[in-house]
Amino acid sequence: VQLVESGGGLVQPGGSLRLSCAASGFTFNNYVMSWYRQAPGKERELVAAIGSDGGSTNYADSVKGRFAISRDNAKNMVYLQMNVLKPEDTAVYYCRAQRWRVYWGQGTQVTVSS
C-alpha cells in the first residue's frame, strides 16, 4: 500500500496550492479519502474528507469556502485545492485512506509566509 503526496511548497498569504495524493496497493474506490494536517506543536487534524464515490464531502470549519477536496477513481488520485491560503494553514499535510483499515501517506509540507 502506498499513498504519495505531492504539491506542497512555500506560498505567500492569499496564494493557492493544489495537493495531490497518488494511491496504490488497495481498492481505491472502496475507501473514504481525506486530508489531515499537523502544525508544529499541534495535534493532527482533519482538513477535508470525501466519500468513496465522491458524492459527499466535509470540511473543517477553518477551511470551508477556501479548500476543495476531489478524487479521480479512474486514476486512484485524490486532490486538495487550497485557495486564499493563510499563515495558519502552514503544516504538514497528510493523505489518509480509510475503510476497515487506515493508511497514511508520508506528508507534504505547506508553508504560507511572506
Protein backbone atom coordinates (compact mmCIF):
# COMPACT_ATOMS: atom_id res chain seq x y z
CA VAL A 1 0.00 0.00 0.00
CA GLN A 2 1.28 3.44 -0.89
CA LEU A 3 -0.08 6.95 -0.54
CA VAL A 4 2.27 9.53 -2.02
CA GLU A 5 1.53 13.21 -1.53
CA SER A 6 2.90 15.97 -3.74
CA GLY A 7 2.33 19.64 -4.47
CA GLY A 8 3.40 21.22 -1.22
CA GLY A 9 5.72 24.18 -1.01
CA LEU A 10 6.16 27.78 0.01
CA VAL A 11 3.40 30.22 -0.94
CA GLN A 12 2.56 33.78 0.03
CA PRO A 13 -0.58 34.59 2.01
CA GLY A 14 -3.56 34.74 -0.32
CA GLY A 15 -1.98 32.31 -2.73
CA SER A 16 -3.06 28.86 -3.87
CA LEU A 17 -1.67 25.35 -3.96
CA ARG A 18 -3.01 22.06 -5.20
CA LEU A 19 -2.01 18.92 -3.32
CA SER A 20 -2.18 15.52 -4.95
CA CYS A 21 -2.15 12.05 -3.45
CA ALA A 22 -1.40 9.01 -5.58
CA ALA A 23 -2.75 5.75 -4.15
CA SER A 24 -1.74 2.20 -4.95
CA GLY A 25 -1.93 -1.27 -3.45
CA PHE A 26 -5.58 -1.27 -2.40
CA THR A 27 -9.03 -0.91 -3.94
CA PHE A 28 -9.09 2.86 -4.01
CA ASN A 29 -12.73 3.34 -4.94
CA ASN A 30 -13.85 1.46 -1.80
CA TYR A 31 -12.14 3.87 0.55
CA VAL A 32 -13.05 7.19 2.09
CA MET A 33 -10.17 9.56 1.40
CA SER A 34 -9.22 12.51 3.50
CA TRP A 35 -6.57 15.14 4.08
CA TYR A 36 -5.21 15.85 7.52
CA ARG A 37 -2.63 18.37 8.63
CA GLN A 38 -0.30 18.79 11.56
CA ALA A 39 1.30 22.06 12.52
CA PRO A 40 4.34 22.22 14.81
CA GLY A 41 3.33 21.61 18.41
CA LYS A 42 -0.25 20.78 17.49
CA GLU A 43 -2.27 17.63 17.05
CA ARG A 44 -3.04 16.23 13.65
CA GLU A 45 -6.44 17.48 12.48
CA LEU A 46 -8.91 16.64 9.76
CA VAL A 47 -8.96 19.14 6.91
CA ALA A 48 -11.33 17.55 4.41
CA ALA A 49 -12.83 14.18 3.53
CA ILE A 50 -14.56 12.71 0.50
CA GLY A 51 -16.74 9.63 0.17
CA SER A 52 -15.73 6.61 -1.85
CA ASP A 53 -17.78 7.68 -4.88
CA GLY A 54 -17.00 11.37 -4.48
CA GLY A 55 -20.61 12.14 -3.70
CA SER A 56 -20.10 13.55 -0.23
CA THR A 57 -17.53 15.88 1.26
CA ASN A 58 -16.92 17.53 4.57
CA TYR A 59 -14.51 20.20 5.72
CA ALA A 60 -13.04 21.65 8.84
CA ASP A 61 -14.68 24.97 9.65
CA SER A 62 -11.33 26.70 9.30
CA VAL A 63 -11.04 25.82 5.60
CA LYS A 64 -14.67 25.92 4.42
CA GLY A 65 -15.04 28.08 1.35
CA ARG A 66 -11.28 28.09 0.70
CA PHE A 67 -10.34 24.44 0.19
CA ALA A 68 -11.88 21.81 -2.07
CA ILE A 69 -11.30 18.08 -1.99
CA SER A 70 -11.84 15.92 -5.06
CA ARG A 71 -10.95 12.46 -6.31
CA ASP A 72 -10.48 10.63 -9.59
CA ASN A 73 -11.25 6.95 -9.07
CA ALA A 74 -10.06 6.09 -12.57
CA LYS A 75 -6.59 7.41 -11.70
CA ASN A 76 -6.50 6.47 -8.00
CA MET A 77 -5.91 10.10 -7.11
CA VAL A 78 -7.22 12.49 -4.52
CA TYR A 79 -6.64 16.24 -4.58
CA LEU A 80 -6.87 19.22 -2.27
CA GLN A 81 -7.22 22.60 -3.91
CA MET A 82 -6.24 25.26 -1.39
CA ASN A 83 -7.08 28.88 -2.09
CA VAL A 84 -6.70 32.11 -0.11
CA LEU A 85 -4.02 30.47 1.98
CA LYS A 86 -3.25 31.91 5.40
CA PRO A 87 -0.16 31.61 7.60
CA GLU A 88 -2.17 29.42 9.96
CA ASP A 89 -2.54 26.87 7.15
CA THR A 90 1.17 26.12 7.49
CA ALA A 91 1.52 22.43 8.33
CA VAL A 92 2.49 19.04 7.02
CA TYR A 93 -0.47 17.73 5.02
CA TYR A 94 -1.21 14.02 5.02
CA CYS A 95 -3.34 11.87 2.77
CA ARG A 96 -5.40 9.19 4.53
CA ALA A 97 -7.40 6.23 3.28
CA GLN A 98 -9.99 4.53 5.45
CA ARG A 99 -12.29 1.60 5.19
CA TRP A 100 -11.71 -1.28 7.61
CA ARG A 101 -8.06 -0.26 7.70
CA VAL A 102 -6.43 3.12 7.77
CA TYR A 103 -3.47 4.03 5.60
CA TRP A 104 -1.40 7.22 5.77
CA GLY A 105 0.97 8.94 3.41
CA GLN A 106 4.28 10.43 4.45
CA GLY A 107 3.08 14.01 4.18
CA THR A 108 3.97 17.12 2.24
CA GLN A 109 5.00 20.44 3.78
CA VAL A 110 2.92 23.53 3.10
CA THR A 111 4.35 26.84 4.28
CA VAL A 112 2.39 30.07 3.96
CA SER A 113 4.63 33.04 4.55
CA SER A 114 5.59 36.35 3.06
